[in-house]
Amino acid sequence: MVRILAQAILSAAGVVVALFVSRDAVGFPVYEMVGALLLIAALAVIVWYGPRVVKALFGPRSKE
């Protein structure tokens, strides 16, 4: 399961980086790695704060 998640993150990072940098560029693997690290950090923030935001937006409201 970890392999599937890692493969999905690397694939998404490759697509995002390919929009900005040519795949033939010398530093493409480095840019891809940096993009993957940023994507992992963004996903961690979403997983951490996502439920709080959803609960704050759509949770039960007081009737006062």
N, C-alpha and C. Protein backbone atom coordinates (compact mmCIF):
# COMPACT_ATOMS: atom_id res chain seq x y z
N MET A 1 0.82 -1.18 0.00
CA MET A 1 0.00 0.00 0.00
C MET A 1 0.88 1.26 0.00
N VAL A 2 1.96 1.23 0.74
CA VAL A 2 2.87 2.37 0.76
C VAL A 2 3.48 2.58 -0.62
N ARG A 3 3.77 1.49 -1.31
CA ARG A 3 4.32 1.59 -2.67
C ARG A 3 3.33 2.27 -3.61
N ILE A 4 2.06 1.93 -3.48
CA ILE A 4 1.04 2.53 -4.33
C ILE A 4 0.93 4.03 -4.06
N LEU A 5 0.94 4.41 -2.78
CA LEU A 5 0.87 5.83 -2.44
C LEU A 5 2.10 6.58 -2.94
N ALA A 6 3.27 5.99 -2.74
CA ALA A 6 4.50 6.64 -3.21
C ALA A 6 4.51 6.78 -4.73
N GLN A 7 4.04 5.76 -5.42
CA GLN A 7 4.00 5.82 -6.88
C GLN A 7 3.02 6.89 -7.35
N ALA A 8 1.89 7.02 -6.69
CA ALA A 8 0.91 8.04 -7.07
C ALA A 8 1.47 9.44 -6.83
N ILE A 9 2.15 9.63 -5.69
CA ILE A 9 2.73 10.94 -5.39
C ILE A 9 3.82 11.29 -6.40
N LEU A 10 4.70 10.33 -6.72
CA LEU A 10 5.76 10.60 -7.68
C LEU A 10 5.21 10.85 -9.08
N SER A 11 4.17 10.14 -9.46
CA SER A 11 3.56 10.37 -10.77
C SER A 11 2.95 11.76 -10.84
N ALA A 12 2.24 12.15 -9.80
CA ALA A 12 1.64 13.49 -9.78
C ALA A 12 2.72 14.56 -9.79
N ALA A 13 3.78 14.35 -9.03
CA ALA A 13 4.87 15.32 -9.01
C ALA A 13 5.54 15.41 -10.38
N GLY A 14 5.69 14.29 -11.05
CA GLY A 14 6.28 14.29 -12.39
C GLY A 14 5.45 15.08 -13.38
N VAL A 15 4.14 14.94 -13.30
CA VAL A 15 3.26 15.67 -14.21
C VAL A 15 3.32 17.17 -13.92
N VAL A 16 3.28 17.53 -12.64
CA VAL A 16 3.30 18.96 -12.28
C VAL A 16 4.63 19.58 -12.69
N VAL A 17 5.73 18.91 -12.42
CA VAL A 17 7.05 19.45 -12.77
C VAL A 17 7.21 19.51 -14.28
N ALA A 18 6.66 18.54 -15.00
CA ALA A 18 6.78 18.53 -16.46
C ALA A 18 6.06 19.71 -17.10
N LEU A 19 5.10 20.30 -16.39
CA LEU A 19 4.44 21.49 -16.91
C LEU A 19 5.38 22.69 -16.94
N PHE A 20 6.36 22.71 -16.04
CA PHE A 20 7.26 23.85 -15.91
C PHE A 20 8.67 23.60 -16.43
N VAL A 21 9.11 22.33 -16.43
CA VAL A 21 10.48 21.99 -16.82
C VAL A 21 10.41 20.88 -17.87
N SER A 22 11.24 20.99 -18.89
CA SER A 22 11.30 19.95 -19.92
C SER A 22 11.85 18.66 -19.33
N ARG A 23 11.29 17.53 -19.77
CA ARG A 23 11.77 16.24 -19.28
C ARG A 23 13.21 15.96 -19.70
N ASP A 24 13.69 16.65 -20.71
CA ASP A 24 15.07 16.47 -21.17
C ASP A 24 16.06 17.34 -20.40
N ALA A 25 15.57 18.17 -19.51
CA ALA A 25 16.46 19.05 -18.75
C ALA A 25 17.37 18.23 -17.85
N VAL A 26 18.55 18.79 -17.59
CA VAL A 26 19.55 18.08 -16.80
C VAL A 26 19.06 17.84 -15.38
N GLY A 27 18.40 18.82 -14.78
CA GLY A 27 17.99 18.70 -13.39
C GLY A 27 16.58 18.21 -13.19
N PHE A 28 15.97 17.60 -14.21
CA PHE A 28 14.58 17.17 -14.07
C PHE A 28 14.36 16.23 -12.89
N PRO A 29 15.21 15.22 -12.66
CA PRO A 29 14.97 14.35 -11.50
C PRO A 29 15.02 15.10 -10.16
N VAL A 30 15.89 16.11 -10.09
CA VAL A 30 15.97 16.90 -8.86
C VAL A 30 14.70 17.72 -8.68
N TYR A 31 14.24 18.35 -9.76
CA TYR A 31 13.00 19.11 -9.69
C TYR A 31 11.83 18.19 -9.35
N GLU A 32 11.84 16.99 -9.91
CA GLU A 32 10.77 16.03 -9.62
C GLU A 32 10.79 15.65 -8.14
N MET A 33 11.98 15.46 -7.58
CA MET A 33 12.09 15.12 -6.16
C MET A 33 11.60 16.27 -5.29
N VAL A 34 11.99 17.49 -5.62
CA VAL A 34 11.53 18.65 -4.86
C VAL A 34 10.01 18.78 -4.96
N GLY A 35 9.48 18.58 -6.16
CA GLY A 35 8.03 18.62 -6.33
C GLY A 35 7.33 17.55 -5.52
N ALA A 36 7.91 16.36 -5.46
CA ALA A 36 7.32 15.28 -4.67
C ALA A 36 7.35 15.62 -3.18
N LEU A 37 8.45 16.20 -2.71
CA LEU A 37 8.53 16.58 -1.30
C LEU A 37 7.50 17.66 -0.96
N LEU A 38 7.34 18.63 -1.85
CA LEU A 38 6.33 19.66 -1.62
C LEU A 38 4.92 19.08 -1.64
N LEU A 39 4.69 18.12 -2.54
CA LEU A 39 3.38 17.47 -2.62
C LEU A 39 3.11 16.65 -1.36
N ILE A 40 4.12 15.97 -0.85
CA ILE A 40 3.95 15.21 0.39
C ILE A 40 3.62 16.15 1.54
N ALA A 41 4.31 17.28 1.61
CA ALA A 41 4.03 18.25 2.67
C ALA A 41 2.61 18.81 2.55
N ALA A 42 2.19 19.12 1.33
CA ALA A 42 0.83 19.63 1.12
C ALA A 42 -0.21 18.60 1.50
N LEU A 43 0.01 17.35 1.12
CA LEU A 43 -0.94 16.29 1.48
C LEU A 43 -0.99 16.07 2.98
N ALA A 44 0.15 16.19 3.65
CA ALA A 44 0.17 16.04 5.11
C ALA A 44 -0.64 17.15 5.78
N VAL A 45 -0.51 18.37 5.28
CA VAL A 45 -1.29 19.48 5.83
C VAL A 45 -2.77 19.27 5.59
N ILE A 46 -3.14 18.79 4.41
CA ILE A 46 -4.55 18.52 4.11
C ILE A 46 -5.10 17.43 5.01
N VAL A 47 -4.32 16.38 5.22
CA VAL A 47 -4.78 15.29 6.08
C VAL A 47 -4.89 15.77 7.53
N TRP A 48 -3.96 16.62 7.95
CA TRP A 48 -3.95 17.08 9.33
C TRP A 48 -5.09 18.06 9.60
N TYR A 49 -5.28 19.05 8.72
CA TYR A 49 -6.26 20.09 8.97
C TYR A 49 -7.58 19.90 8.22
N GLY A 50 -7.65 18.97 7.30
CA GLY A 50 -8.86 18.76 6.52
C GLY A 50 -10.10 18.50 7.36
N PRO A 51 -10.06 17.54 8.28
CA PRO A 51 -11.25 17.29 9.10
C PRO A 51 -11.68 18.49 9.94
N ARG A 52 -10.72 19.26 10.43
CA ARG A 52 -11.06 20.45 11.22
C ARG A 52 -11.78 21.48 10.36
N VAL A 53 -11.29 21.68 9.15
CA VAL A 53 -11.90 22.66 8.26
C VAL A 53 -13.30 22.22 7.86
N VAL A 54 -13.44 20.94 7.51
CA VAL A 54 -14.75 20.42 7.11
C VAL A 54 -15.73 20.52 8.28
N LYS A 55 -15.28 20.19 9.47
CA LYS A 55 -16.15 20.26 10.65
C LYS A 55 -16.54 21.70 10.94
N ALA A 56 -15.60 22.63 10.78
CA ALA A 56 -15.91 24.04 11.03
C ALA A 56 -16.88 24.59 9.99
N LEU A 57 -16.76 24.14 8.75
CA LEU A 57 -17.63 24.66 7.70
C LEU A 57 -19.00 24.00 7.68
N PHE A 58 -19.03 22.68 7.88
CA PHE A 58 -20.27 21.94 7.70
C PHE A 58 -20.77 21.25 8.96
N GLY A 59 -20.15 21.51 10.10
CA GLY A 59 -20.52 20.86 11.35
C GLY A 59 -21.82 21.42 11.89
N PRO A 60 -22.28 20.84 13.00
CA PRO A 60 -23.53 21.34 13.60
C PRO A 60 -23.35 22.76 14.11
N ARG A 61 -24.36 23.55 13.94
CA ARG A 61 -24.32 24.94 14.36
C ARG A 61 -25.25 25.11 15.57
N SER A 62 -24.91 26.05 16.43
CA SER A 62 -25.78 26.30 17.58
C SER A 62 -27.01 27.07 17.11
N LYS A 63 -28.13 26.87 17.80
CA LYS A 63 -29.40 27.48 17.38
C LYS A 63 -29.63 28.82 18.07
N GLU A 64 -28.62 29.40 18.67
CA GLU A 64 -28.80 30.66 19.40
C GLU A 64 -29.02 31.83 18.50
